[in-house]
Protein backbone atom coordinates (compact mmCIF):
# COMPACT_ATOMS: atom_id res chain seq x y z
CA UNK A 1 42.55 8.67 33.31
CA UNK A 2 43.75 11.72 31.76
CA UNK A 3 41.96 14.59 32.89
CA UNK A 4 40.93 13.43 36.39
CA UNK A 5 42.41 15.72 38.91
CA UNK A 6 45.34 14.08 40.55
CA UNK A 7 44.45 15.88 43.88
CA UNK A 8 41.07 14.23 43.77
CA UNK A 9 42.95 10.84 43.40
CA UNK A 10 45.33 11.59 46.40
CA UNK A 11 42.33 12.68 48.46
CA UNK A 12 40.70 9.31 47.83
CA UNK A 13 43.92 7.73 49.03
CA UNK A 14 43.81 9.49 52.23
CA UNK A 15 40.15 9.09 53.07
CA UNK A 16 39.95 5.23 52.13
CA UNK A 17 43.28 3.79 52.91
CA UNK A 18 45.01 3.07 56.28
CA UNK A 19 48.46 4.52 57.16
CA UNK A 20 49.05 6.44 53.90
CA UNK A 21 52.55 7.94 53.25
CA UNK A 22 53.98 9.99 50.46
CA UNK A 23 57.50 8.93 49.49
CA UNK A 24 58.91 12.13 47.89
CA UNK A 25 61.88 10.97 46.22
CA UNK A 26 60.04 7.94 44.59
CA UNK A 27 57.18 9.94 43.74
CA UNK A 28 54.94 7.43 45.11
CA UNK A 29 52.07 6.84 47.68
CA UNK A 30 52.26 3.92 49.81
CA UNK A 31 49.22 2.54 51.83
CA UNK A 32 47.53 -0.57 53.14
CA UNK A 33 45.44 -1.84 50.41
CA UNK A 34 41.76 -1.24 51.10
CA UNK A 35 40.62 -4.02 48.53
CA UNK A 36 42.58 -7.02 49.88
CA UNK A 37 43.35 -5.51 53.31
CA UNK A 38 46.75 -7.18 53.29
CA UNK A 39 45.70 -10.44 54.95
CA UNK A 40 47.67 -11.56 57.92
CA UNK A 41 50.05 -8.71 57.64
CA UNK A 42 47.27 -6.02 57.89
CA UNK A 43 48.30 -3.27 60.36
CA UNK A 44 52.23 -4.26 59.69
CA UNK A 45 52.61 -3.73 56.28
CA UNK A 46 51.32 -1.57 53.35
CA UNK A 47 51.95 -2.80 49.79
CA UNK A 48 49.45 -0.65 47.75
CA UNK A 49 51.32 1.65 45.75
CA UNK A 50 50.20 4.63 43.73
CA UNK A 51 52.84 5.79 41.02
CA UNK A 52 52.32 9.63 40.77
CA UNK A 53 54.00 10.13 37.40
CA UNK A 54 52.39 6.86 35.66
CA UNK A 55 49.18 7.58 37.31
CA UNK A 56 48.30 3.97 38.25
CA UNK A 57 47.77 1.75 41.21
CA UNK A 58 49.36 -1.67 42.10
CA UNK A 59 49.19 -3.99 45.08
CA UNK A 60 52.05 -6.28 45.70
CA UNK A 61 49.81 -8.28 48.17
CA UNK A 62 46.92 -9.03 45.72
CA UNK A 63 48.78 -8.52 42.47
CA UNK A 64 46.01 -6.34 41.08
CA UNK A 65 46.75 -3.13 39.07
CA UNK A 66 44.22 -0.32 38.32
CA UNK A 67 44.03 2.72 36.28
CA UNK A 68 43.02 5.71 38.70
CA UNK A 69 39.36 5.68 37.86
CA UNK A 70 39.13 1.98 37.97
CA UNK A 71 40.54 1.89 41.57
CA UNK A 72 38.32 4.61 42.75
CA UNK A 73 35.27 2.66 41.24
CA UNK A 74 36.55 -0.39 43.26
CA UNK A 75 36.82 1.40 46.60
CA UNK A 76 34.14 3.84 46.46
CA UNK A 77 31.51 1.61 44.55
CA UNK A 78 30.53 4.69 42.31
CA UNK A 79 30.01 4.55 38.80
CA UNK A 80 32.12 6.37 36.03
CA UNK A 81 29.73 9.46 35.78
CA UNK A 82 29.48 9.63 39.58
CA UNK A 83 33.15 10.07 39.88
CA UNK A 84 33.64 12.52 37.01
CA UNK A 85 30.74 14.79 38.67
CA UNK A 86 32.43 14.51 42.37
CA UNK A 87 35.91 15.10 40.99
CA UNK A 88 34.80 18.29 39.15
CA UNK A 89 33.63 19.92 42.29
CA UNK A 90 36.03 18.61 44.83
CA UNK A 91 38.07 21.04 47.26
CA UNK A 92 41.74 21.36 46.53
CA UNK A 93 42.77 19.90 49.82
CA UNK A 94 42.44 16.45 51.15
CA UNK A 95 39.14 15.66 52.40
CA UNK A 96 39.07 13.44 55.49
CA UNK A 97 35.61 13.44 56.21
CA UNK A 98 35.26 9.93 55.13
CA UNK A 99 35.66 7.27 57.73
CA UNK A 100 39.42 6.10 57.73
CA UNK A 101 39.41 2.69 59.29
CA UNK A 102 36.47 0.71 58.17
CA UNK A 103 36.44 -2.26 60.53
CA UNK A 104 32.69 -3.40 59.77
CA UNK A 105 30.09 -2.41 57.29
CA UNK A 106 27.80 -0.84 60.02
CA UNK A 107 30.16 0.51 62.70
CA UNK A 108 30.33 4.40 62.52
CA UNK A 109 33.46 6.29 63.73
CA UNK A 110 32.81 9.37 65.70
CA UNK A 111 35.51 11.70 64.97
CA UNK A 112 35.58 14.90 67.23
CA UNK A 113 35.72 18.45 65.86
CA UNK A 114 39.28 18.63 67.19
CA UNK A 115 41.46 15.63 67.90
CA UNK A 116 40.99 14.82 71.46
CA UNK A 117 44.78 14.92 72.45
CA UNK A 118 44.97 18.38 70.98
CA UNK A 119 47.31 21.01 72.71
CA UNK A 120 46.26 24.72 72.41
CA UNK A 121 49.77 26.29 71.58
CA UNK A 122 48.27 29.84 72.14
CA UNK A 123 47.59 28.84 75.93
CA UNK A 124 50.75 29.53 77.63
CA UNK A 125 49.89 27.61 80.83
CA UNK A 126 48.95 24.46 78.71
CA UNK A 127 52.26 24.69 76.98
CA UNK A 128 54.00 24.82 80.16
CA UNK A 129 52.28 21.73 81.68
CA UNK A 130 53.89 19.51 78.74
CA UNK A 131 57.46 21.09 79.36
CA UNK A 132 58.78 18.05 80.53
CA UNK A 133 57.11 15.45 78.17
CA UNK A 134 57.57 14.41 74.67
CA UNK A 135 55.00 16.77 73.45
CA UNK A 136 57.13 19.95 74.16
CA UNK A 137 59.26 19.46 71.14
CA UNK A 138 56.22 19.38 68.81
CA UNK A 139 54.99 22.53 70.73
CA UNK A 140 58.13 24.42 70.07
CA UNK A 141 58.27 23.40 66.30
CA UNK A 142 54.64 24.66 65.96
CA UNK A 143 55.38 27.96 67.76
CA UNK A 144 58.63 28.44 65.63
CA UNK A 145 56.60 27.87 62.58
CA UNK A 146 53.89 30.34 63.61
CA UNK A 147 56.62 32.92 64.64
CA UNK A 148 58.26 32.66 61.20
CA UNK A 149 54.95 33.39 59.44
CA UNK A 150 53.85 35.99 62.01
CA UNK A 151 50.77 33.97 62.71
CA UNK A 152 50.57 34.60 66.61
CA UNK A 153 50.52 38.37 65.74
CA UNK A 154 48.01 38.35 62.92
CA UNK A 155 45.08 40.70 63.40
CA UNK A 156 42.68 37.89 62.43
CA UNK A 157 44.12 34.76 63.86
CA UNK A 158 41.86 32.15 65.59
CA UNK A 159 41.81 32.33 69.32
CA UNK A 160 43.47 28.89 69.49
CA UNK A 161 45.74 26.97 67.41
CA UNK A 162 46.47 23.24 68.11
CA UNK A 163 48.91 20.30 67.77
CA UNK A 164 48.20 16.66 68.08
CA UNK A 165 50.48 13.84 69.12
CA UNK A 166 48.25 10.76 68.52
CA UNK A 167 45.59 11.68 65.93
CA UNK A 168 45.94 9.09 63.09
CA UNK A 169 46.20 11.69 60.22
CA UNK A 170 46.60 15.18 61.78
CA UNK A 171 49.24 14.39 64.17
CA UNK A 172 52.53 16.51 64.17
CA UNK A 173 50.62 19.12 62.27
CA UNK A 174 49.47 22.76 63.05
CA UNK A 175 45.72 22.36 63.46
CA UNK A 176 43.72 25.58 62.36
CA UNK A 177 39.95 25.54 63.63
CA UNK A 178 37.18 26.83 61.41
CA UNK A 179 34.76 28.59 63.98
CA UNK A 180 31.09 28.99 62.58
CA UNK A 181 29.19 32.22 63.14
CA UNK A 182 27.93 30.75 66.50
CA UNK A 183 31.42 30.27 67.70
CA UNK A 184 31.46 26.42 67.28
CA UNK A 185 34.27 24.71 65.58
CA UNK A 186 32.53 22.94 62.59
CA UNK A 187 35.89 22.09 60.57
CA UNK A 188 39.46 22.54 60.75
CA UNK A 189 42.54 22.24 58.45
CA UNK A 190 45.99 21.02 59.69
CA UNK A 191 49.15 22.34 57.90
CA UNK A 192 52.44 20.41 57.71
CA UNK A 193 55.30 21.76 59.87
CA UNK A 194 57.78 20.08 57.55
CA UNK A 195 58.43 21.43 54.17
CA UNK A 196 59.06 18.23 52.53
CA UNK A 197 55.82 16.73 53.88
CA UNK A 198 52.92 16.30 51.40
CA UNK A 199 50.09 17.05 51.31
CA UNK A 200 50.71 20.52 52.95
CA UNK A 201 46.93 20.84 53.92
CA UNK A 202 44.40 18.24 55.20
CA UNK A 203 40.64 19.06 55.90
CA UNK A 204 38.42 17.67 58.22
CA UNK A 205 34.78 18.89 58.22
CA UNK A 206 31.13 17.78 58.76
CA UNK A 207 29.45 20.92 57.39
CA UNK A 208 32.50 23.00 56.22
CA UNK A 209 32.01 26.54 57.63
CA UNK A 210 34.28 29.34 56.28
CA UNK A 211 37.30 30.24 58.43
CA UNK A 212 36.69 33.67 60.05
CA UNK A 213 33.03 33.84 59.73
CA UNK A 214 32.61 34.43 63.50
CA UNK A 215 34.98 37.31 63.38
CA UNK A 216 33.19 39.83 61.06
CA UNK A 217 33.06 43.54 61.90
CA UNK A 218 29.91 45.29 60.75
CA UNK A 219 31.69 48.51 60.45
CA UNK A 220 33.67 47.23 57.47
CA UNK A 221 31.19 46.87 54.45
CA UNK A 222 33.42 44.17 52.80
CA UNK A 223 34.04 40.36 53.17
CA UNK A 224 37.22 39.18 51.52
CA UNK A 225 37.37 35.55 50.71
CA UNK A 226 40.56 33.66 50.60
CA UNK A 227 41.76 30.32 49.76
CA UNK A 228 43.55 29.41 52.76
CA UNK A 229 43.24 30.49 56.42
CA UNK A 230 46.80 31.66 57.16
CA UNK A 231 46.51 34.48 54.50
CA UNK A 232 43.05 35.44 55.91
CA UNK A 233 44.70 35.80 59.18
CA UNK A 234 46.10 39.11 58.14
CA UNK A 235 43.17 40.81 56.76
CA UNK A 236 40.19 42.12 58.87
CA UNK A 237 36.71 40.83 57.60
CA UNK A 238 38.62 38.01 55.90
CA UNK A 239 37.17 34.50 55.56
CA UNK A 240 38.75 31.22 53.87
CA UNK A 241 37.35 28.59 51.96
CA UNK A 242 40.05 26.04 53.10
CA UNK A 243 40.49 25.24 49.08
CA UNK A 244 39.58 26.91 45.93
CA UNK A 245 35.90 26.00 45.62
CA UNK A 246 33.20 26.88 48.05
CA UNK A 247 30.85 24.31 49.47
CA UNK A 248 27.11 24.92 49.47
CA UNK A 249 27.23 25.75 53.16
CA UNK A 250 29.75 28.39 52.52
CA UNK A 251 27.92 29.99 49.67
CA UNK A 252 24.72 29.95 51.87
CA UNK A 253 26.56 31.89 54.63
CA UNK A 254 27.88 34.54 52.17
CA UNK A 255 24.61 35.11 50.55
CA UNK A 256 22.92 35.87 53.86
CA UNK A 257 25.53 38.56 54.77
CA UNK A 258 23.51 41.45 53.42
CA UNK A 259 25.16 44.85 53.34
CA UNK A 260 28.69 43.51 52.59
CA UNK A 261 30.62 43.46 49.44
CA UNK A 262 32.11 40.09 48.76
CA UNK A 263 35.69 40.29 47.26
CA UNK A 264 37.69 37.32 46.22
CA UNK A 265 41.58 37.23 46.95
CA UNK A 266 43.46 34.33 45.40
CA UNK A 267 47.11 33.57 45.46
CA UNK A 268 49.40 35.34 42.86
CA UNK A 269 50.10 32.11 41.12
CA UNK A 270 49.50 32.69 37.35
CA UNK A 271 51.48 29.60 36.30
CA UNK A 272 48.79 27.40 37.92
CA UNK A 273 46.48 26.75 34.98
CA UNK A 274 43.88 25.47 37.04
CA UNK A 275 43.91 28.52 39.37
CA UNK A 276 43.94 30.59 36.32
CA UNK A 277 40.92 29.13 35.03
CA UNK A 278 39.14 29.24 38.36
CA UNK A 279 39.71 32.88 38.47
CA UNK A 280 38.42 33.73 35.00
CA UNK A 281 35.40 31.69 35.75
CA UNK A 282 34.75 33.80 38.96
CA UNK A 283 35.25 36.94 36.89
CA UNK A 284 32.78 35.70 34.28
CA UNK A 285 30.26 35.00 36.97
CA UNK A 286 30.47 38.83 37.85
CA UNK A 287 32.51 38.13 41.01
CA UNK A 288 34.74 41.06 42.29
CA UNK A 289 38.38 39.93 42.24
CA UNK A 290 41.62 41.46 43.90
CA UNK A 291 44.06 41.68 40.97
CA UNK A 292 47.71 41.69 42.03
CA UNK A 293 49.36 44.96 40.88
CA UNK A 294 52.61 44.41 39.05
CA UNK A 295 54.74 45.99 41.80
CA UNK A 296 53.67 42.82 44.13
CA UNK A 297 54.45 40.20 41.32
CA UNK A 298 57.41 38.83 43.30
CA UNK A 299 54.91 37.90 46.18
CA UNK A 300 52.86 34.69 46.10
CA UNK A 301 50.35 35.39 48.80
CA UNK A 302 49.28 37.72 51.40
CA UNK A 303 51.24 35.97 54.22
CA UNK A 304 54.45 36.35 52.19
CA UNK A 305 53.91 40.07 51.78
CA UNK A 306 53.30 40.42 55.65
CA UNK A 307 56.40 38.42 56.52
CA UNK A 308 58.36 40.43 54.04
CA UNK A 309 57.21 43.82 55.04
CA UNK A 310 56.89 42.82 58.97
CA UNK A 311 53.12 43.49 58.93
CA UNK A 312 50.71 42.05 61.38
CA UNK A 313 47.71 43.45 59.26
CA UNK A 314 47.54 43.79 55.47
CA UNK A 315 45.41 46.98 54.83
CA UNK A 316 42.04 45.97 53.45
CA UNK A 317 41.55 49.23 51.79
CA UNK A 318 44.52 48.31 49.49
CA UNK A 319 42.60 45.21 48.34
CA UNK A 320 39.52 47.20 47.63
CA UNK A 321 41.37 49.62 45.54
CA UNK A 322 42.78 46.83 43.43
CA UNK A 323 39.76 44.78 42.96
CA UNK A 324 37.57 44.61 39.78
CA UNK A 325 34.79 43.17 37.96
CA UNK A 326 33.80 42.34 34.48
CA UNK A 327 35.93 43.17 31.54
CA UNK A 328 38.11 45.53 33.44
CA UNK A 329 39.00 42.53 35.73
CA UNK A 330 39.79 40.21 32.74
CA UNK A 331 41.99 42.77 31.04
CA UNK A 332 43.92 43.48 34.27
CA UNK A 333 44.25 39.88 35.08
CA UNK A 334 45.74 39.18 31.70
CA UNK A 335 48.51 41.66 31.97
């Protein structure tokens, strides 16, 4: 269906189907069909295909084809209007909150806050323990990625970063925990370590807290709201949504942060029409927005700025000085 966000469709594939994989050069998603369950070949073959450009589904096992919304209706048992409402409010990262392998109608899958086999790459003793094992190559890949993006030196990075060898969805990815204000991991994002792997970010949450809400400094009268956690790692008092749209839980947290001025800092991506619309919507809601100055137009986000200029901290006062509301924000955003 034209107008149904494609990221929402992909989100549904990852949360409803077993063993999803993206075939980049064919521009197709391939997974085990969650309608016919592949019969006797379940667990060995995957014959459901989602054709990205054509935007339709086809299963080579049951022979059925669906338009996007028809497939989502069949697998979620939602009606047309429920899907439109849900897709209009989804977070722009794959939501894996839904149970992945539905073996029976009543069985509940208890997914821990962090995959049980996770290795903390910030713990040198823990990494050393795996030096002779197959896990060490993944640890080194993750450490190299963090080094290239200066994550391990960032002023607002989390106390731990993880990798998983076995997790069904998050294996071989950098796992970034989101700590609530009480210091509990309530959600996390995993980031692909391979530039060719899609989607780049996958999100798992119960109640999705903001990244960084446990690390606010009361001496700084601002909270800076970013889309992604990696950018937020480089600014004091920065938090991250883990997408472009806040959940009710995240909005509630910000509302109770009295004495702070909230400033939104989104990526410098004016070619993204969806993001352009989102920023203008926030400005019309009288939210204060950081407007990227012309001299920074060559950078796409704060992390890229810090890597280019060899910074471990982006000065928050620069953000404050280039943040605006109302008509002034709209005028500067259009330039």
